[in-house]
Amino acid sequence: MRCAGHWCRFVLFCLGALLALPAYAAARHISIDTGECGGELTVKDSAIKSTLYTDEARGLRAYGVLVYRHAAEDAKNNRCHVEFRIFVAVKGGDFDLVKSRVYDTEGGEIAGIDLIGVSPDGSKFAADTWLAEGDGQGHWPIVYDPAKKLVLDRDLAGKIQDRHRGCYQVEDFIGVTNKGEAIFAVPPSDDDSPECGDKGLWHFNLQTGRVIRVARISGDKWN
């Protein structure tokens, strides 16, 4: 299969950048979404469960669940409540609920979970809980350390977007480092002129909330 254009060059760039940096786990996404909240919803709770993520080499399994909660008044007002749940099992053990959070959504919003994968050394597992509306998507990464039973989670919000001076972009959550930083790739977009900032790979520190660009390429280099 041949590829051409901006996206192909970005993929090749990312591959080169990944080889130049510490090894990353391949991103394997399993996504589910809620659909839209509104008057069509019943008042009974309902749930969607993702398919199972497995990493046999590291003895890790995981899945995500989205639970809808919506009272009759919520349905009338075109809103609902979504609970994100992440379950992880290690070394053949039982599944533990490692993270649960509730978000109040409105009509037109879609919520979902992506099971991202493990860090290169197998010490961290990452998942993305996200909300999307129109062309925009917000990320709330979750990183779990099974050995320490430690969970880190934080809203990415506009931290990377702000560094691109508000220009439109796509942020793809593609992996997690051994330190537990979420790895985001920002591919070229319609706004890849120099004034829109540099695209590339970013690390998001869930402890401090800081984002750091670890590999970049200026927008004018895509021309």
N, C-alpha and C. Protein backbone atom coordinates (compact mmCIF):
# COMPACT_ATOMS: atom_id res chain seq x y z
N MET A 1 0.84 -1.18 0.00
CA MET A 1 0.00 0.00 0.00
C MET A 1 0.88 1.24 0.00
N ARG A 2 0.60 2.16 -0.89
CA ARG A 2 1.39 3.38 -0.98
C ARG A 2 0.66 4.51 -0.28
N CYS A 3 1.42 5.46 0.28
CA CYS A 3 0.80 6.63 0.86
C CYS A 3 1.51 7.86 0.34
N ALA A 4 0.79 8.99 0.38
CA ALA A 4 1.38 10.22 -0.13
C ALA A 4 0.77 11.38 0.61
N GLY A 5 1.39 12.53 0.46
CA GLY A 5 0.82 13.74 1.04
C GLY A 5 1.27 13.98 2.46
N HIS A 6 0.60 14.95 3.09
CA HIS A 6 0.98 15.39 4.43
C HIS A 6 0.91 14.29 5.46
N TRP A 7 -0.17 13.50 5.42
CA TRP A 7 -0.34 12.46 6.44
C TRP A 7 0.75 11.41 6.36
N CYS A 8 1.11 11.02 5.15
CA CYS A 8 2.18 10.03 4.98
C CYS A 8 3.48 10.56 5.56
N ARG A 9 3.79 11.83 5.25
CA ARG A 9 5.03 12.39 5.78
C ARG A 9 5.00 12.47 7.30
N PHE A 10 3.80 12.75 7.85
CA PHE A 10 3.70 12.80 9.30
C PHE A 10 3.92 11.43 9.93
N VAL A 11 3.34 10.39 9.31
CA VAL A 11 3.52 9.03 9.83
C VAL A 11 5.00 8.66 9.82
N LEU A 12 5.68 8.93 8.69
CA LEU A 12 7.10 8.62 8.61
C LEU A 12 7.89 9.42 9.64
N PHE A 13 7.50 10.68 9.83
CA PHE A 13 8.17 11.51 10.83
C PHE A 13 8.00 10.93 12.23
N CYS A 14 6.76 10.52 12.55
CA CYS A 14 6.50 9.95 13.88
C CYS A 14 7.28 8.67 14.10
N LEU A 15 7.36 7.82 13.07
CA LEU A 15 8.12 6.60 13.21
C LEU A 15 9.58 6.90 13.50
N GLY A 16 10.13 7.89 12.79
CA GLY A 16 11.52 8.27 13.04
C GLY A 16 11.69 8.83 14.43
N ALA A 17 10.73 9.65 14.87
CA ALA A 17 10.82 10.24 16.19
C ALA A 17 10.71 9.18 17.27
N LEU A 18 9.85 8.20 17.08
CA LEU A 18 9.70 7.14 18.07
C LEU A 18 10.96 6.31 18.19
N LEU A 19 11.62 6.08 17.07
CA LEU A 19 12.87 5.33 17.11
C LEU A 19 13.97 6.11 17.81
N ALA A 20 13.91 7.42 17.71
CA ALA A 20 14.94 8.25 18.32
C ALA A 20 14.73 8.43 19.82
N LEU A 21 13.50 8.17 20.30
CA LEU A 21 13.15 8.33 21.70
C LEU A 21 13.05 6.96 22.35
N PRO A 22 12.83 6.88 23.69
CA PRO A 22 12.62 5.58 24.32
C PRO A 22 11.48 4.84 23.65
N ALA A 23 11.56 3.52 23.64
CA ALA A 23 10.56 2.71 22.94
C ALA A 23 9.18 2.92 23.54
N TYR A 24 8.16 2.96 22.68
CA TYR A 24 6.79 3.12 23.12
C TYR A 24 5.99 1.89 22.73
N ALA A 25 4.96 1.60 23.53
CA ALA A 25 4.05 0.51 23.18
C ALA A 25 3.19 0.94 22.01
N ALA A 26 2.91 0.00 21.14
CA ALA A 26 2.04 0.31 20.00
C ALA A 26 0.64 0.64 20.52
N ALA A 27 0.05 1.67 19.97
CA ALA A 27 -1.28 2.09 20.41
C ALA A 27 -2.34 1.18 19.81
N ARG A 28 -3.13 0.53 20.66
CA ARG A 28 -4.23 -0.32 20.20
C ARG A 28 -5.51 0.24 20.82
N HIS A 29 -6.39 0.74 19.99
CA HIS A 29 -7.57 1.44 20.48
C HIS A 29 -8.81 0.55 20.40
N ILE A 30 -9.53 0.50 21.49
CA ILE A 30 -10.85 -0.14 21.52
C ILE A 30 -11.80 0.92 22.04
N SER A 31 -12.72 1.41 21.20
CA SER A 31 -13.54 2.56 21.55
C SER A 31 -15.01 2.20 21.65
N ILE A 32 -15.68 2.86 22.58
CA ILE A 32 -17.13 2.78 22.70
C ILE A 32 -17.65 4.19 22.91
N ASP A 33 -18.88 4.44 22.54
CA ASP A 33 -19.42 5.79 22.77
C ASP A 33 -20.88 5.71 23.19
N THR A 34 -21.36 6.80 23.75
CA THR A 34 -22.70 6.81 24.35
C THR A 34 -23.79 7.13 23.36
N GLY A 35 -23.47 7.70 22.23
CA GLY A 35 -24.50 8.28 21.41
C GLY A 35 -24.88 9.63 22.00
N GLU A 36 -26.01 10.17 21.60
CA GLU A 36 -26.41 11.49 22.09
C GLU A 36 -27.45 11.38 23.18
N CYS A 37 -27.38 12.29 24.16
CA CYS A 37 -28.36 12.36 25.23
C CYS A 37 -29.56 13.15 24.74
N GLY A 38 -30.74 12.79 25.20
CA GLY A 38 -31.92 13.55 24.78
C GLY A 38 -33.21 12.87 25.15
N GLY A 39 -34.30 13.36 24.60
CA GLY A 39 -35.63 12.89 24.97
C GLY A 39 -35.91 11.44 24.60
N GLU A 40 -35.12 10.86 23.68
CA GLU A 40 -35.34 9.47 23.28
C GLU A 40 -34.87 8.49 24.35
N LEU A 41 -34.10 8.97 25.33
CA LEU A 41 -33.55 8.07 26.34
C LEU A 41 -34.62 7.64 27.33
N THR A 42 -34.52 6.42 27.80
CA THR A 42 -35.39 5.96 28.87
C THR A 42 -34.79 6.40 30.20
N VAL A 43 -35.56 6.30 31.27
CA VAL A 43 -35.06 6.72 32.58
C VAL A 43 -34.31 5.60 33.29
N LYS A 44 -34.28 4.43 32.69
CA LYS A 44 -33.57 3.29 33.29
C LYS A 44 -32.09 3.37 32.96
N ASP A 45 -31.22 3.07 33.96
CA ASP A 45 -29.78 3.04 33.70
C ASP A 45 -29.46 1.99 32.65
N SER A 46 -28.48 2.29 31.82
CA SER A 46 -28.02 1.33 30.83
C SER A 46 -26.50 1.40 30.77
N ALA A 47 -25.88 0.38 30.22
CA ALA A 47 -24.42 0.32 30.21
C ALA A 47 -23.92 -0.30 28.91
N ILE A 48 -22.73 0.13 28.51
CA ILE A 48 -22.03 -0.44 27.36
C ILE A 48 -20.66 -0.88 27.86
N LYS A 49 -20.26 -2.10 27.51
CA LYS A 49 -18.97 -2.65 27.92
C LYS A 49 -18.09 -2.83 26.68
N SER A 50 -16.84 -2.43 26.78
CA SER A 50 -15.93 -2.59 25.65
C SER A 50 -15.51 -4.05 25.51
N THR A 51 -14.94 -4.39 24.38
CA THR A 51 -14.30 -5.68 24.24
C THR A 51 -13.02 -5.68 25.08
N LEU A 52 -12.50 -6.84 25.33
CA LEU A 52 -11.37 -7.00 26.25
C LEU A 52 -10.05 -6.65 25.59
N TYR A 53 -9.24 -5.87 26.30
CA TYR A 53 -7.85 -5.62 25.90
C TYR A 53 -6.96 -6.61 26.64
N THR A 54 -6.06 -7.28 25.91
CA THR A 54 -5.16 -8.23 26.56
C THR A 54 -3.73 -8.00 26.10
N ASP A 55 -2.81 -8.15 27.03
CA ASP A 55 -1.38 -8.15 26.74
C ASP A 55 -0.82 -9.38 27.43
N GLU A 56 -0.78 -10.49 26.68
CA GLU A 56 -0.39 -11.76 27.27
C GLU A 56 1.06 -11.75 27.78
N ALA A 57 1.94 -11.05 27.07
CA ALA A 57 3.35 -11.02 27.46
C ALA A 57 3.53 -10.43 28.85
N ARG A 58 2.69 -9.46 29.19
CA ARG A 58 2.81 -8.78 30.49
C ARG A 58 1.73 -9.22 31.47
N GLY A 59 0.89 -10.14 31.05
CA GLY A 59 -0.14 -10.66 31.95
C GLY A 59 -1.16 -9.63 32.36
N LEU A 60 -1.57 -8.77 31.44
CA LEU A 60 -2.51 -7.70 31.78
C LEU A 60 -3.75 -7.78 30.89
N ARG A 61 -4.89 -7.60 31.53
CA ARG A 61 -6.17 -7.53 30.82
C ARG A 61 -6.92 -6.29 31.30
N ALA A 62 -7.74 -5.73 30.44
CA ALA A 62 -8.47 -4.52 30.82
C ALA A 62 -9.73 -4.39 29.97
N TYR A 63 -10.71 -3.71 30.53
CA TYR A 63 -11.89 -3.34 29.75
C TYR A 63 -12.49 -2.07 30.35
N GLY A 64 -13.34 -1.43 29.58
CA GLY A 64 -14.00 -0.21 30.03
C GLY A 64 -15.51 -0.37 29.97
N VAL A 65 -16.19 0.39 30.82
CA VAL A 65 -17.65 0.39 30.86
C VAL A 65 -18.14 1.83 30.92
N LEU A 66 -19.16 2.13 30.14
CA LEU A 66 -19.87 3.41 30.22
C LEU A 66 -21.26 3.15 30.75
N VAL A 67 -21.64 3.85 31.79
CA VAL A 67 -22.97 3.70 32.39
C VAL A 67 -23.74 5.00 32.20
N TYR A 68 -24.95 4.90 31.67
CA TYR A 68 -25.82 6.07 31.50
C TYR A 68 -26.77 6.18 32.69
N ARG A 69 -26.89 7.39 33.21
CA ARG A 69 -27.90 7.64 34.23
C ARG A 69 -28.70 8.88 33.79
N HIS A 70 -30.02 8.74 33.72
CA HIS A 70 -30.83 9.86 33.27
C HIS A 70 -32.23 9.74 33.85
N ALA A 71 -32.58 10.71 34.67
CA ALA A 71 -33.92 10.76 35.24
C ALA A 71 -34.87 11.34 34.20
N ALA A 72 -36.18 11.26 34.50
CA ALA A 72 -37.17 11.78 33.56
C ALA A 72 -36.94 13.26 33.28
N GLU A 73 -36.59 14.02 34.31
CA GLU A 73 -36.34 15.45 34.13
C GLU A 73 -35.12 15.67 33.24
N ASP A 74 -34.09 14.83 33.39
CA ASP A 74 -32.92 14.93 32.53
C ASP A 74 -33.29 14.73 31.07
N ALA A 75 -34.10 13.73 30.78
CA ALA A 75 -34.49 13.45 29.40
C ALA A 75 -35.22 14.64 28.80
N LYS A 76 -36.07 15.28 29.60
CA LYS A 76 -36.80 16.45 29.10
C LYS A 76 -35.85 17.61 28.78
N ASN A 77 -34.78 17.72 29.55
CA ASN A 77 -33.83 18.82 29.38
C ASN A 77 -32.65 18.46 28.48
N ASN A 78 -32.76 17.33 27.80
CA ASN A 78 -31.75 16.94 26.81
C ASN A 78 -30.35 16.79 27.43
N ARG A 79 -30.26 16.04 28.51
CA ARG A 79 -28.98 15.82 29.18
C ARG A 79 -28.98 14.45 29.85
N CYS A 80 -27.81 13.96 30.19
CA CYS A 80 -27.70 12.71 30.94
C CYS A 80 -26.38 12.70 31.69
N HIS A 81 -26.17 11.66 32.47
CA HIS A 81 -24.97 11.53 33.28
C HIS A 81 -24.26 10.25 32.86
N VAL A 82 -22.98 10.35 32.59
CA VAL A 82 -22.22 9.20 32.11
C VAL A 82 -21.12 8.88 33.12
N GLU A 83 -21.04 7.62 33.52
CA GLU A 83 -19.96 7.18 34.39
C GLU A 83 -18.97 6.36 33.58
N PHE A 84 -17.69 6.76 33.65
CA PHE A 84 -16.61 6.03 32.99
C PHE A 84 -15.99 5.08 34.01
N ARG A 85 -15.87 3.81 33.68
CA ARG A 85 -15.24 2.84 34.57
C ARG A 85 -14.14 2.08 33.83
N ILE A 86 -12.99 1.97 34.47
CA ILE A 86 -11.86 1.23 33.90
C ILE A 86 -11.52 0.08 34.83
N PHE A 87 -11.49 -1.14 34.30
CA PHE A 87 -11.18 -2.34 35.07
C PHE A 87 -9.88 -2.96 34.54
N VAL A 88 -9.01 -3.41 35.46
CA VAL A 88 -7.74 -4.01 35.08
C VAL A 88 -7.49 -5.26 35.93
N ALA A 89 -6.97 -6.32 35.29
CA ALA A 89 -6.55 -7.54 35.98
C ALA A 89 -5.11 -7.85 35.58
N VAL A 90 -4.31 -8.31 36.52
CA VAL A 90 -2.91 -8.64 36.24
C VAL A 90 -2.59 -10.05 36.72
N LYS A 91 -1.69 -10.71 35.96
CA LYS A 91 -1.19 -12.03 36.33
C LYS A 91 -2.30 -13.03 36.65
N GLY A 92 -3.35 -13.02 35.85
CA GLY A 92 -4.43 -13.99 36.03
C GLY A 92 -5.35 -13.69 37.19
N GLY A 93 -5.19 -12.54 37.84
CA GLY A 93 -6.02 -12.19 38.97
C GLY A 93 -7.39 -11.67 38.57
N ASP A 94 -8.18 -11.30 39.58
CA ASP A 94 -9.50 -10.76 39.32
C ASP A 94 -9.40 -9.32 38.80
N PHE A 95 -10.46 -8.88 38.15
CA PHE A 95 -10.51 -7.50 37.68
C PHE A 95 -10.79 -6.56 38.84
N ASP A 96 -10.03 -5.49 38.90
CA ASP A 96 -10.25 -4.43 39.88
C ASP A 96 -10.75 -3.18 39.18
N LEU A 97 -11.69 -2.48 39.82
CA LEU A 97 -12.11 -1.17 39.32
C LEU A 97 -11.03 -0.18 39.71
N VAL A 98 -10.24 0.28 38.74
CA VAL A 98 -9.11 1.16 39.05
C VAL A 98 -9.49 2.63 38.96
N LYS A 99 -10.57 2.94 38.23
CA LYS A 99 -10.99 4.34 38.13
C LYS A 99 -12.44 4.44 37.71
N SER A 100 -13.16 5.33 38.37
CA SER A 100 -14.53 5.63 38.01
C SER A 100 -14.74 7.13 38.15
N ARG A 101 -15.34 7.74 37.14
CA ARG A 101 -15.67 9.16 37.24
C ARG A 101 -16.96 9.43 36.47
N VAL A 102 -17.70 10.42 36.95
CA VAL A 102 -19.00 10.75 36.37
C VAL A 102 -18.92 12.10 35.69
N TYR A 103 -19.53 12.19 34.52
CA TYR A 103 -19.57 13.44 33.78
C TYR A 103 -21.01 13.72 33.37
N ASP A 104 -21.45 14.96 33.56
CA ASP A 104 -22.79 15.36 33.13
C ASP A 104 -22.71 15.84 31.69
N THR A 105 -23.38 15.15 30.79
CA THR A 105 -23.32 15.50 29.38
C THR A 105 -24.61 16.16 28.93
N GLU A 106 -24.55 16.81 27.81
CA GLU A 106 -25.71 17.47 27.22
C GLU A 106 -25.95 16.91 25.82
N GLY A 107 -27.07 17.28 25.24
CA GLY A 107 -27.39 16.80 23.90
C GLY A 107 -26.32 17.19 22.91
N GLY A 108 -25.98 16.27 22.01
CA GLY A 108 -24.96 16.54 21.01
C GLY A 108 -23.57 16.09 21.40
N GLU A 109 -23.36 15.74 22.69
CA GLU A 109 -22.06 15.26 23.14
C GLU A 109 -22.00 13.73 23.07
N ILE A 110 -20.85 13.22 22.71
CA ILE A 110 -20.62 11.78 22.68
C ILE A 110 -19.48 11.47 23.63
N ALA A 111 -19.62 10.46 24.46
CA ALA A 111 -18.58 10.07 25.40
C ALA A 111 -18.02 8.72 25.01
N GLY A 112 -16.77 8.49 25.34
CA GLY A 112 -16.18 7.20 24.97
C GLY A 112 -14.96 6.86 25.78
N ILE A 113 -14.51 5.63 25.63
CA ILE A 113 -13.32 5.12 26.29
C ILE A 113 -12.44 4.46 25.23
N ASP A 114 -11.17 4.81 25.21
CA ASP A 114 -10.18 4.12 24.39
C ASP A 114 -9.20 3.43 25.32
N LEU A 115 -9.01 2.14 25.15
CA LEU A 115 -8.00 1.40 25.90
C LEU A 115 -6.70 1.50 25.12
N ILE A 116 -5.78 2.34 25.60
CA ILE A 116 -4.60 2.71 24.83
C ILE A 116 -3.54 1.62 24.83
N GLY A 117 -3.18 1.09 26.00
CA GLY A 117 -2.17 0.04 26.06
C GLY A 117 -1.22 0.22 27.21
N VAL A 118 -0.08 -0.47 27.15
CA VAL A 118 0.89 -0.46 28.24
C VAL A 118 2.17 0.25 27.81
N SER A 119 2.94 0.67 28.81
CA SER A 119 4.24 1.30 28.56
C SER A 119 5.24 0.25 28.09
N PRO A 120 6.38 0.66 27.54
CA PRO A 120 7.35 -0.30 27.03
C PRO A 120 7.82 -1.31 28.07
N ASP A 121 7.96 -0.88 29.34
CA ASP A 121 8.43 -1.81 30.37
C ASP A 121 7.29 -2.56 31.05
N GLY A 122 6.06 -2.31 30.60
CA GLY A 122 4.91 -3.02 31.15
C GLY A 122 4.44 -2.53 32.50
N SER A 123 5.01 -1.45 32.99
CA SER A 123 4.68 -0.99 34.35
C SER A 123 3.44 -0.11 34.41
N LYS A 124 3.00 0.45 33.29
CA LYS A 124 1.87 1.37 33.29
C LYS A 124 0.85 0.95 32.23
N PHE A 125 -0.40 1.13 32.56
CA PHE A 125 -1.49 0.91 31.61
C PHE A 125 -2.23 2.23 31.42
N ALA A 126 -2.59 2.55 30.19
CA ALA A 126 -3.24 3.83 29.91
C ALA A 126 -4.58 3.63 29.20
N ALA A 127 -5.53 4.47 29.56
CA ALA A 127 -6.82 4.52 28.89
C ALA A 127 -7.22 5.98 28.73
N ASP A 128 -8.06 6.24 27.76
CA ASP A 128 -8.53 7.60 27.52
C ASP A 128 -10.04 7.63 27.73
N THR A 129 -10.50 8.55 28.56
CA THR A 129 -11.93 8.82 28.66
C THR A 129 -12.16 10.16 27.98
N TRP A 130 -13.06 10.19 27.03
CA TRP A 130 -13.16 11.38 26.18
C TRP A 130 -14.59 11.78 25.94
N LEU A 131 -14.72 13.05 25.55
CA LEU A 131 -16.00 13.62 25.14
C LEU A 131 -15.81 14.33 23.81
N ALA A 132 -16.76 14.19 22.93
CA ALA A 132 -16.66 14.82 21.63
C ALA A 132 -17.97 15.52 21.29
N GLU A 133 -17.84 16.64 20.60
CA GLU A 133 -19.00 17.36 20.10
C GLU A 133 -18.59 18.06 18.82
N GLY A 134 -19.30 17.80 17.74
CA GLY A 134 -18.91 18.35 16.45
C GLY A 134 -17.55 17.81 16.05
N ASP A 135 -16.64 18.72 15.66
CA ASP A 135 -15.30 18.31 15.27
C ASP A 135 -14.32 18.26 16.45
N GLY A 136 -14.76 18.72 17.62
CA GLY A 136 -13.86 18.79 18.77
C GLY A 136 -13.92 17.56 19.65
N GLN A 137 -12.81 17.25 20.31
CA GLN A 137 -12.76 16.13 21.23
C GLN A 137 -11.85 16.47 22.40
N GLY A 138 -12.36 16.24 23.62
CA GLY A 138 -11.57 16.48 24.82
C GLY A 138 -11.11 15.17 25.42
N HIS A 139 -9.89 15.16 25.96
CA HIS A 139 -9.29 13.94 26.51
C HIS A 139 -9.09 14.06 28.02
N TRP A 140 -9.36 12.97 28.72
CA TRP A 140 -9.08 12.87 30.15
C TRP A 140 -8.32 11.55 30.35
N PRO A 141 -6.99 11.55 30.17
CA PRO A 141 -6.21 10.30 30.27
C PRO A 141 -6.22 9.72 31.68
N ILE A 142 -6.17 8.40 31.73
CA ILE A 142 -6.04 7.66 32.98
C ILE A 142 -4.84 6.72 32.84
N VAL A 143 -3.93 6.76 33.81
CA VAL A 143 -2.75 5.90 33.80
C VAL A 143 -2.71 5.13 35.12
N TYR A 144 -2.56 3.81 35.01
CA TYR A 144 -2.60 2.92 36.19
C TYR A 144 -1.28 2.17 36.32
N ASP A 145 -0.73 2.17 37.54
CA ASP A 145 0.48 1.41 37.88
C ASP A 145 0.06 0.23 38.74
N PRO A 146 -0.05 -0.99 38.17
CA PRO A 146 -0.54 -2.15 38.92
C PRO A 146 0.32 -2.51 40.13
N ALA A 147 1.64 -2.38 40.00
CA ALA A 147 2.52 -2.75 41.11
C ALA A 147 2.30 -1.87 42.32
N LYS A 148 2.08 -0.58 42.09
CA LYS A 148 1.87 0.37 43.19
C LYS A 148 0.40 0.61 43.50
N LYS A 149 -0.50 0.04 42.69
CA LYS A 149 -1.93 0.29 42.84
C LYS A 149 -2.21 1.80 42.78
N LEU A 150 -1.51 2.48 41.92
CA LEU A 150 -1.58 3.93 41.81
C LEU A 150 -2.27 4.33 40.52
N VAL A 151 -3.23 5.23 40.63
CA VAL A 151 -3.96 5.74 39.47
C VAL A 151 -3.73 7.25 39.35
N LEU A 152 -3.36 7.67 38.17
CA LEU A 152 -3.25 9.10 37.86
C LEU A 152 -4.24 9.44 36.76
N ASP A 153 -4.94 10.55 36.90
CA ASP A 153 -5.84 10.99 35.84
C ASP A 153 -5.93 12.52 35.89
N ARG A 154 -6.06 13.11 34.71
CA ARG A 154 -6.11 14.56 34.63
C ARG A 154 -6.69 14.97 33.27
N ASP A 155 -7.43 16.05 33.29
CA ASP A 155 -8.03 16.59 32.06
C ASP A 155 -6.94 17.28 31.23
N LEU A 156 -6.77 16.85 29.97
CA LEU A 156 -5.82 17.51 29.09
C LEU A 156 -6.26 18.94 28.78
N ALA A 157 -7.59 19.14 28.73
CA ALA A 157 -8.16 20.45 28.44
C ALA A 157 -7.50 21.05 27.19
N GLY A 158 -7.14 22.35 27.25
CA GLY A 158 -6.56 22.99 26.08
C GLY A 158 -5.07 23.19 26.18
N LYS A 159 -4.39 22.35 26.99
CA LYS A 159 -2.96 22.58 27.25
C LYS A 159 -2.11 22.53 25.99
N ILE A 160 -2.36 21.55 25.11
CA ILE A 160 -1.61 21.51 23.85
C ILE A 160 -2.18 22.52 22.87
N GLN A 161 -3.51 22.62 22.83
CA GLN A 161 -4.16 23.57 21.93
C GLN A 161 -3.66 24.98 22.18
N ASP A 162 -3.49 25.36 23.43
CA ASP A 162 -3.04 26.71 23.75
C ASP A 162 -1.64 26.98 23.23
N ARG A 163 -0.83 25.94 23.16
CA ARG A 163 0.53 26.11 22.65
C ARG A 163 0.54 26.29 21.13
N HIS A 164 -0.56 25.99 20.49
CA HIS A 164 -0.67 26.17 19.05
C HIS A 164 -1.46 27.42 18.71
N ARG A 165 -1.53 28.33 19.65
CA ARG A 165 -2.15 29.64 19.44
C ARG A 165 -3.60 29.55 18.97
N GLY A 166 -4.28 28.53 19.46
CA GLY A 166 -5.70 28.42 19.15
C GLY A 166 -6.03 27.89 17.77
N CYS A 167 -5.05 27.50 16.97
CA CYS A 167 -5.32 26.97 15.64
C CYS A 167 -5.94 25.58 15.74
N TYR A 168 -6.79 25.24 14.79
CA TYR A 168 -7.45 23.94 14.81
C TYR A 168 -6.43 22.82 14.67
N GLN A 169 -6.63 21.74 15.43
CA GLN A 169 -5.73 20.60 15.35
C GLN A 169 -6.43 19.35 15.86
N VAL A 170 -5.84 18.21 15.60
CA VAL A 170 -6.31 16.93 16.13
C VAL A 170 -5.26 16.42 17.10
N GLU A 171 -5.70 15.93 18.26
CA GLU A 171 -4.79 15.37 19.26
C GLU A 171 -5.10 13.88 19.40
N ASP A 172 -4.16 13.03 19.04
CA ASP A 172 -4.34 11.59 19.11
C ASP A 172 -3.55 11.02 20.28
N PHE A 173 -4.23 10.38 21.22
CA PHE A 173 -3.60 9.72 22.37
C PHE A 173 -3.07 8.38 21.86
N ILE A 174 -1.74 8.21 21.82
CA ILE A 174 -1.17 7.03 21.15
C ILE A 174 -0.37 6.11 22.06
N GLY A 175 -0.09 6.49 23.31
CA GLY A 175 0.71 5.60 24.15
C GLY A 175 1.01 6.20 25.50
N VAL A 176 1.83 5.50 26.27
CA VAL A 176 2.21 5.94 27.61
C VAL A 176 3.68 5.61 27.85
N THR A 177 4.40 6.49 28.50
CA THR A 177 5.82 6.26 28.77
C THR A 177 5.99 5.43 30.04
N ASN A 178 7.21 4.97 30.28
CA ASN A 178 7.51 4.23 31.50
C ASN A 178 7.27 5.07 32.75
N LYS A 179 7.38 6.39 32.61
CA LYS A 179 7.14 7.30 33.73
C LYS A 179 5.66 7.59 33.95
N GLY A 180 4.83 7.12 33.03
CA GLY A 180 3.40 7.35 33.18
C GLY A 180 2.88 8.58 32.49
N GLU A 181 3.65 9.16 31.57
CA GLU A 181 3.19 10.32 30.82
C GLU A 181 2.37 9.88 29.61
N ALA A 182 1.27 10.54 29.39
CA ALA A 182 0.45 10.25 28.21
C ALA A 182 1.11 10.84 26.97
N ILE A 183 1.16 10.05 25.89
CA ILE A 183 1.81 10.49 24.65
C ILE A 183 0.74 10.88 23.63
N PHE A 184 0.81 12.12 23.16
CA PHE A 184 -0.14 12.61 22.16
C PHE A 184 0.60 12.96 20.87
N ALA A 185 0.00 12.59 19.75
CA ALA A 185 0.51 12.97 18.44
C ALA A 185 -0.41 14.03 17.86
N VAL A 186 0.18 15.09 17.32
CA VAL A 186 -0.59 16.16 16.67
C VAL A 186 -0.19 16.16 15.20
N PRO A 187 -1.01 15.57 14.33
CA PRO A 187 -0.68 15.51 12.90
C PRO A 187 -0.96 16.84 12.22
N PRO A 188 -0.49 17.00 10.99
CA PRO A 188 -0.80 18.21 10.23
C PRO A 188 -2.31 18.37 10.06
N SER A 189 -2.73 19.61 9.95
CA SER A 189 -4.14 19.90 9.74
C SER A 189 -4.26 20.96 8.65
N ASP A 190 -5.46 21.49 8.48
CA ASP A 190 -5.63 22.57 7.50
C ASP A 190 -4.87 23.82 7.93
N ASP A 191 -4.57 23.92 9.23
CA ASP A 191 -3.86 25.08 9.76
C ASP A 191 -2.42 24.71 10.08
N ASP A 192 -1.65 24.27 9.09
CA ASP A 192 -0.27 23.87 9.35
C ASP A 192 0.71 24.92 8.87
N SER A 193 0.30 26.20 8.88
CA SER A 193 1.21 27.29 8.57
C SER A 193 2.06 27.60 9.80
N PRO A 194 3.19 28.25 9.64
CA PRO A 194 4.10 28.48 10.77
C PRO A 194 3.44 29.18 11.96
N GLU A 195 2.52 30.10 11.71
CA GLU A 195 1.93 30.82 12.83
C GLU A 195 1.03 29.95 13.70
N CYS A 196 0.70 28.75 13.24
CA CYS A 196 -0.12 27.84 14.04
C CYS A 196 0.72 26.93 14.93
N GLY A 197 2.01 27.16 15.01
CA GLY A 197 2.84 26.37 15.91
C GLY A 197 3.38 25.12 15.28
N ASP A 198 4.11 24.34 16.06
CA ASP A 198 4.77 23.13 15.58
C ASP A 198 3.94 21.90 15.91
N LYS A 199 3.84 21.02 14.93
CA LYS A 199 3.16 19.75 15.15
C LYS A 199 4.18 18.74 15.66
N GLY A 200 3.70 17.54 15.99
CA GLY A 200 4.65 16.51 16.44
C GLY A 200 4.13 15.70 17.60
N LEU A 201 5.05 15.24 18.46
CA LEU A 201 4.72 14.39 19.60
C LEU A 201 4.84 15.17 20.90
N TRP A 202 3.89 14.93 21.82
CA TRP A 202 3.84 15.63 23.09
C TRP A 202 3.70 14.63 24.23
N HIS A 203 4.31 14.96 25.38
CA HIS A 203 4.11 14.20 26.61
C HIS A 203 3.26 15.04 27.56
N PHE A 204 2.27 14.40 28.16
CA PHE A 204 1.38 15.06 29.12
C PHE A 204 1.60 14.43 30.49
N ASN A 205 2.17 15.21 31.43
CA ASN A 205 2.46 14.74 32.78
C ASN A 205 1.19 14.85 33.62
N LEU A 206 0.65 13.71 34.04
CA LEU A 206 -0.62 13.71 34.77
C LEU A 206 -0.46 14.16 36.21
N GLN A 207 0.76 14.19 36.72
CA GLN A 207 0.99 14.67 38.09
C GLN A 207 1.03 16.20 38.14
N THR A 208 1.73 16.79 37.19
CA THR A 208 1.91 18.24 37.20
C THR A 208 0.97 18.98 36.27
N GLY A 209 0.40 18.28 35.29
CA GLY A 209 -0.43 18.92 34.29
C GLY A 209 0.35 19.57 33.17
N ARG A 210 1.66 19.39 33.16
CA ARG A 210 2.51 20.04 32.17
C ARG A 210 2.56 19.24 30.87
N VAL A 211 2.57 19.95 29.74
CA VAL A 211 2.76 19.30 28.45
C VAL A 211 4.12 19.72 27.89
N ILE A 212 4.83 18.75 27.30
CA ILE A 212 6.16 19.00 26.73
C ILE A 212 6.21 18.41 25.34
N ARG A 213 6.66 19.19 24.37
CA ARG A 213 6.85 18.67 23.02
C ARG A 213 8.17 17.93 22.98
N VAL A 214 8.15 16.66 22.58
CA VAL A 214 9.37 15.84 22.55
C VAL A 214 9.89 15.63 21.13
N ALA A 215 9.08 15.92 20.15
CA ALA A 215 9.51 15.85 18.74
C ALA A 215 8.62 16.81 17.98
N ARG A 216 9.20 17.59 17.10
CA ARG A 216 8.41 18.61 16.43
C ARG A 216 8.83 18.77 14.97
N ILE A 217 7.95 19.42 14.22
CA ILE A 217 8.29 19.84 12.87
C ILE A 217 7.41 21.04 12.55
N SER A 218 8.00 22.09 12.05
CA SER A 218 7.27 23.32 11.78
C SER A 218 6.27 23.12 10.65
N GLY A 219 5.17 23.89 10.73
CA GLY A 219 4.11 23.75 9.74
C GLY A 219 4.59 24.00 8.32
N ASP A 220 5.54 24.94 8.12
CA ASP A 220 5.97 25.25 6.77
C ASP A 220 6.77 24.10 6.15
N LYS A 221 7.28 23.18 6.98
CA LYS A 221 8.04 22.05 6.43
C LYS A 221 7.13 21.05 5.73
N TRP A 222 5.81 21.15 5.94
CA TRP A 222 4.90 20.21 5.28
C TRP A 222 4.63 20.62 3.85
N ASN A 223 4.98 21.85 3.47
CA ASN A 223 4.68 22.34 2.13
C ASN A 223 5.64 21.75 1.11
